[in-house]
Every structure is written in structure tokens, then in C-alpha cells.
């Protein structure tokens, strides 16, 4: 009985964190976020750093 209550408590607790992690974003914010975090930008920045270290 005690384990069942603990399990329910943990499930509700994890659900609460999941809901708090989400936020509404505008289209402009989505585009800015995607441009900043796009994989090609990361690769490009890494290549720049490698080139600087090679000099």
C-alpha cells in the first residue's frame, strides 16, 4: 500500500515538472531559436575554432 502511494506521488511530481518546462513561443522566437541552435551553425563554429587553433 505504501509503495503504491509513493509511486502515485512520484508520477504526479514528474508530471508537474513536465508541464512547467513548456512555454509558448512566437513564430519570431521559434525562428531565432532554430537559427541559433541549428546543427550547421554548430559545425561552422567548431570549424572556425579548429582553424584558429591550427594557426
PDB file of N, CA and C in Angstrom:
ATOM      1  N   UNK A   1       0.825  -1.184   0.000  1.00  0.00           N
ATOM      2  CA  UNK A   1       0.000   0.000   0.000  1.00  0.00           C
ATOM      3  C   UNK A   1       0.875   1.256   0.000  1.00  0.00           C
ATOM      4  N   UNK A   2       1.936   1.223   0.805  1.00  0.00           N
ATOM      5  CA  UNK A   2       2.805   2.371   0.908  1.00  0.00           C
ATOM      6  C   UNK A   2       3.568   2.598  -0.399  1.00  0.00           C
ATOM      7  N   UNK A   3       3.965   1.506  -1.059  1.00  0.00           N
ATOM      8  CA  UNK A   3       4.685   1.614  -2.328  1.00  0.00           C
ATOM      9  C   UNK A   3       3.792   2.200  -3.414  1.00  0.00           C
ATOM     10  N   UNK A   4       2.519   1.838  -3.380  1.00  0.00           N
ATOM     11  CA  UNK A   4       1.582   2.342  -4.379  1.00  0.00           C
ATOM     12  C   UNK A   4       1.398   3.852  -4.227  1.00  0.00           C
ATOM     13  N   UNK A   5       1.303   4.325  -3.004  1.00  0.00           N
ATOM     14  CA  UNK A   5       1.169   5.754  -2.747  1.00  0.00           C
ATOM     15  C   UNK A   5       2.408   6.514  -3.180  1.00  0.00           C
ATOM     16  N   UNK A   6       3.584   5.942  -2.937  1.00  0.00           N
ATOM     17  CA  UNK A   6       4.831   6.566  -3.342  1.00  0.00           C
ATOM     18  C   UNK A   6       4.930   6.632  -4.858  1.00  0.00           C
ATOM     19  N   UNK A   7       4.521   5.582  -5.525  1.00  0.00           N
ATOM     20  CA  UNK A   7       4.544   5.547  -6.982  1.00  0.00           C
ATOM     21  C   UNK A   7       3.625   6.619  -7.563  1.00  0.00           C
ATOM     22  N   UNK A   8       2.438   6.737  -7.036  1.00  0.00           N
ATOM     23  CA  UNK A   8       1.498   7.766  -7.494  1.00  0.00           C
ATOM     24  C   UNK A   8       2.069   9.152  -7.247  1.00  0.00           C
ATOM     25  N   UNK A   9       2.671   9.356  -6.093  1.00  0.00           N
ATOM     26  CA  UNK A   9       3.277  10.641  -5.769  1.00  0.00           C
ATOM     27  C   UNK A   9       4.388  10.990  -6.752  1.00  0.00           C
ATOM     28  N   UNK A  10       5.249  10.035  -7.062  1.00  0.00           N
ATOM     29  CA  UNK A  10       6.341  10.281  -8.000  1.00  0.00           C
ATOM     30  C   UNK A  10       5.823  10.570  -9.406  1.00  0.00           C
ATOM     31  N   UNK A  11       4.787   9.878  -9.827  1.00  0.00           N
ATOM     32  CA  UNK A  11       4.204  10.127 -11.137  1.00  0.00           C
ATOM     33  C   UNK A  11       3.620  11.535 -11.220  1.00  0.00           C
ATOM     34  N   UNK A  12       2.907  11.944 -10.188  1.00  0.00           N
ATOM     35  CA  UNK A  12       2.337  13.294 -10.175  1.00  0.00           C
ATOM     36  C   UNK A  12       3.430  14.353 -10.122  1.00  0.00           C
ATOM     37  N   UNK A  13       4.478  14.076  -9.373  1.00  0.00           N
ATOM     38  CA  UNK A  13       5.588  15.018  -9.264  1.00  0.00           C
ATOM     39  C   UNK A  13       6.289  15.185 -10.607  1.00  0.00           C
ATOM     40  N   UNK A  14       6.542  14.089 -11.298  1.00  0.00           N
ATOM     41  CA  UNK A  14       7.213  14.175 -12.596  1.00  0.00           C
ATOM     42  C   UNK A  14       6.317  14.858 -13.624  1.00  0.00           C
ATOM     43  N   UNK A  15       5.017  14.651 -13.563  1.00  0.00           N
ATOM     44  CA  UNK A  15       4.093  15.315 -14.472  1.00  0.00           C
ATOM     45  C   UNK A  15       4.114  16.821 -14.241  1.00  0.00           C
ATOM     46  N   UNK A  16       4.225  17.227 -12.995  1.00  0.00           N
ATOM     47  CA  UNK A  16       4.279  18.654 -12.674  1.00  0.00           C
ATOM     48  C   UNK A  16       5.500  19.324 -13.267  1.00  0.00           C
ATOM     49  N   UNK A  17       6.649  18.658 -13.249  1.00  0.00           N
ATOM     50  CA  UNK A  17       7.850  19.227 -13.837  1.00  0.00           C
ATOM     51  C   UNK A  17       7.733  19.317 -15.352  1.00  0.00           C
ATOM     52  N   UNK A  18       7.077  18.336 -15.933  1.00  0.00           N
ATOM     53  CA  UNK A  18       6.938  18.304 -17.383  1.00  0.00           C
ATOM     54  C   UNK A  18       6.082  19.478 -17.864  1.00  0.00           C
ATOM     55  N   UNK A  19       5.055  19.805 -17.153  1.00  0.00           N
ATOM     56  CA  UNK A  19       4.168  20.896 -17.540  1.00  0.00           C
ATOM     57  C   UNK A  19       4.880  22.236 -17.395  1.00  0.00           C
ATOM     58  N   UNK A  20       5.690  22.395 -16.373  1.00  0.00           N
ATOM     59  CA  UNK A  20       6.364  23.658 -16.135  1.00  0.00           C
ATOM     60  C   UNK A  20       7.458  23.933 -17.154  1.00  0.00           C
ATOM     61  N   UNK A  21       7.987  22.906 -17.798  1.00  0.00           N
ATOM     62  CA  UNK A  21       9.091  23.074 -18.724  1.00  0.00           C
ATOM     63  C   UNK A  21       8.630  23.641 -20.062  1.00  0.00           C
ATOM     64  N   UNK A  22       7.367  23.622 -20.344  1.00  0.00           N
ATOM     65  CA  UNK A  22       6.859  24.103 -21.626  1.00  0.00           C
ATOM     66  C   UNK A  22       6.470  25.564 -21.525  1.00  0.00           C
ATOM     67  N   UNK A  23       6.722  26.294 -22.633  1.00  0.00           N
ATOM     68  CA  UNK A  23       6.272  27.678 -22.676  1.00  0.00           C
ATOM     69  C   UNK A  23       5.836  27.999 -24.094  1.00  0.00           C
ATOM     70  N   UNK A  24       5.002  28.992 -24.235  1.00  0.00           N
ATOM     71  CA  UNK A  24       4.539  29.401 -25.548  1.00  0.00           C
ATOM     72  C   UNK A  24       5.580  30.299 -26.189  1.00  0.00           C
ATOM     73  N   UNK A  25       5.833  30.064 -27.467  1.00  0.00           N
ATOM     74  CA  UNK A  25       6.803  30.860 -28.209  1.00  0.00           C
ATOM     75  C   UNK A  25       6.116  31.455 -29.432  1.00  0.00           C
ATOM     76  N   UNK A  26       6.522  32.660 -29.784  1.00  0.00           N
ATOM     77  CA  UNK A  26       6.015  33.260 -31.004  1.00  0.00           C
ATOM     78  C   UNK A  26       6.772  32.674 -32.187  1.00  0.00           C
ATOM     79  N   UNK A  27       6.277  32.946 -33.375  1.00  0.00           N
ATOM     80  CA  UNK A  27       6.948  32.461 -34.572  1.00  0.00           C
ATOM     81  C   UNK A  27       8.345  33.069 -34.682  1.00  0.00           C
ATOM     82  N   UNK A  28       8.469  34.329 -34.340  1.00  0.00           N
ATOM     83  CA  UNK A  28       9.772  35.005 -34.398  1.00  0.00           C
ATOM     84  C   UNK A  28      10.759  34.348 -33.432  1.00  0.00           C
ATOM     85  N   UNK A  29      10.308  34.031 -32.227  1.00  0.00           N
ATOM     86  CA  UNK A  29      11.176  33.364 -31.241  1.00  0.00           C
ATOM     87  C   UNK A  29      11.587  31.977 -31.724  1.00  0.00           C
ATOM     88  N   UNK A  30      10.668  31.271 -32.367  1.00  0.00           N
ATOM     89  CA  UNK A  30      10.981  29.933 -32.895  1.00  0.00           C
ATOM     90  C   UNK A  30      12.043  30.011 -33.976  1.00  0.00           C
ATOM     91  N   UNK A  31      11.905  30.986 -34.874  1.00  0.00           N
ATOM     92  CA  UNK A  31      12.875  31.133 -35.952  1.00  0.00           C
ATOM     93  C   UNK A  31      14.238  31.508 -35.389  1.00  0.00           C
ATOM     94  N   UNK A  32      14.275  32.444 -34.449  1.00  0.00           N
ATOM     95  CA  UNK A  32      15.543  32.850 -33.830  1.00  0.00           C
ATOM     96  C   UNK A  32      16.198  31.681 -33.111  1.00  0.00           C
ATOM     97  N   UNK A  33      15.406  30.901 -32.391  1.00  0.00           N
ATOM     98  CA  UNK A  33      15.934  29.741 -31.672  1.00  0.00           C
ATOM     99  C   UNK A  33      16.515  28.722 -32.643  1.00  0.00           C
ATOM    100  N   UNK A  34      15.787  28.464 -33.722  1.00  0.00           N
ATOM    101  CA  UNK A  34      16.267  27.469 -34.678  1.00  0.00           C
ATOM    102  C   UNK A  34      17.525  27.942 -35.390  1.00  0.00           C
ATOM    103  N   UNK A  35      17.632  29.224 -35.691  1.00  0.00           N
ATOM    104  CA  UNK A  35      18.830  29.739 -36.339  1.00  0.00           C
ATOM    105  C   UNK A  35      20.042  29.677 -35.409  1.00  0.00           C
ATOM    106  N   UNK A  36      19.828  29.922 -34.144  1.00  0.00           N
ATOM    107  CA  UNK A  36      20.926  29.885 -33.180  1.00  0.00           C
ATOM    108  C   UNK A  36      21.374  28.461 -32.880  1.00  0.00           C
ATOM    109  N   UNK A  37      20.459  27.500 -32.930  1.00  0.00           N
ATOM    110  CA  UNK A  37      20.764  26.143 -32.492  1.00  0.00           C
ATOM    111  C   UNK A  37      20.819  25.127 -33.624  1.00  0.00           C
ATOM    112  N   UNK A  38      20.834  25.587 -34.850  1.00  0.00           N
ATOM    113  CA  UNK A  38      20.891  24.674 -35.999  1.00  0.00           C
ATOM    114  C   UNK A  38      22.241  23.969 -36.017  1.00  0.00           C
ATOM    115  N   UNK A  39      22.246  22.714 -36.393  1.00  0.00           N
ATOM    116  CA  UNK A  39      23.452  21.895 -36.378  1.00  0.00           C
ATOM    117  C   UNK A  39      24.547  22.461 -37.271  1.00  0.00           C
ATOM    118  N   UNK A  40      24.184  23.009 -38.421  1.00  0.00           N
ATOM    119  CA  UNK A  40      25.210  23.539 -39.324  1.00  0.00           C
ATOM    120  C   UNK A  40      25.938  24.720 -38.694  1.00  0.00           C
ATOM    121  N   UNK A  41      25.245  25.510 -37.878  1.00  0.00           N
ATOM    122  CA  UNK A  41      25.908  26.619 -37.183  1.00  0.00           C
ATOM    123  C   UNK A  41      26.922  26.102 -36.174  1.00  0.00           C
ATOM    124  N   UNK A  42      26.584  25.043 -35.492  1.00  0.00           N
ATOM    125  CA  UNK A  42      27.498  24.445 -34.525  1.00  0.00           C
ATOM    126  C   UNK A  42      28.740  23.901 -35.229  1.00  0.00           C
ATOM    127  N   UNK A  43      28.527  23.220 -36.335  1.00  0.00           N
ATOM    128  CA  UNK A  43      29.653  22.676 -37.104  1.00  0.00           C
ATOM    129  C   UNK A  43      30.523  23.810 -37.619  1.00  0.00           C
ATOM    130  N   UNK A  44      29.914  24.848 -38.144  1.00  0.00           N
ATOM    131  CA  UNK A  44      30.643  26.004 -38.670  1.00  0.00           C
ATOM    132  C   UNK A  44      31.480  26.651 -37.575  1.00  0.00           C
ATOM    133  N   UNK A  45      30.888  26.866 -36.402  1.00  0.00           N
ATOM    134  CA  UNK A  45      31.630  27.479 -35.288  1.00  0.00           C
ATOM    135  C   UNK A  45      32.778  26.590 -34.826  1.00  0.00           C
ATOM    136  N   UNK A  46      32.564  25.280 -34.828  1.00  0.00           N
ATOM    137  CA  UNK A  46      33.636  24.355 -34.450  1.00  0.00           C
ATOM    138  C   UNK A  46      34.778  24.396 -35.457  1.00  0.00           C
ATOM    139  N   UNK A  47      34.442  24.501 -36.736  1.00  0.00           N
ATOM    140  CA  UNK A  47      35.472  24.577 -37.768  1.00  0.00           C
ATOM    141  C   UNK A  47      36.288  25.862 -37.634  1.00  0.00           C
ATOM    142  N   UNK A  48      35.647  26.947 -37.267  1.00  0.00           N
ATOM    143  CA  UNK A  48      36.347  28.212 -37.046  1.00  0.00           C
ATOM    144  C   UNK A  48      37.321  28.072 -35.882  1.00  0.00           C
ATOM    145  N   UNK A  49      36.864  27.458 -34.793  1.00  0.00           N
ATOM    146  CA  UNK A  49      37.730  27.273 -33.630  1.00  0.00           C
ATOM    147  C   UNK A  49      38.934  26.375 -33.959  1.00  0.00           C
ATOM    148  N   UNK A  50      38.709  25.328 -34.724  1.00  0.00           N
ATOM    149  CA  UNK A  50      39.791  24.432 -35.125  1.00  0.00           C
ATOM    150  C   UNK A  50      40.806  25.195 -35.974  1.00  0.00           C
ATOM    151  N   UNK A  51      40.305  26.024 -36.904  1.00  0.00           N
ATOM    152  CA  UNK A  51      41.195  26.802 -37.763  1.00  0.00           C
ATOM    153  C   UNK A  51      42.016  27.795 -36.945  1.00  0.00           C
ATOM    154  N   UNK A  52      41.405  28.399 -35.941  1.00  0.00           N
ATOM    155  CA  UNK A  52      42.138  29.344 -35.085  1.00  0.00           C
ATOM    156  C   UNK A  52      43.239  28.630 -34.302  1.00  0.00           C
ATOM    157  N   UNK A  53      42.950  27.422 -33.843  1.00  0.00           N
ATOM    158  CA  UNK A  53      43.941  26.671 -33.064  1.00  0.00           C
ATOM    159  C   UNK A  53      45.063  26.152 -33.944  1.00  0.00           C
ATOM    160  N   UNK A  54      44.804  25.961 -35.211  1.00  0.00           N
ATOM    161  CA  UNK A  54      45.810  25.457 -36.139  1.00  0.00           C
ATOM    162  C   UNK A  54      46.846  26.506 -36.512  1.00  0.00           C
ATOM    163  N   UNK A  55      46.493  27.767 -36.330  1.00  0.00           N
ATOM    164  CA  UNK A  55      47.416  28.843 -36.722  1.00  0.00           C
ATOM    165  C   UNK A  55      48.528  28.993 -35.772  1.00  0.00           C
TER     166      UNK A  55
END
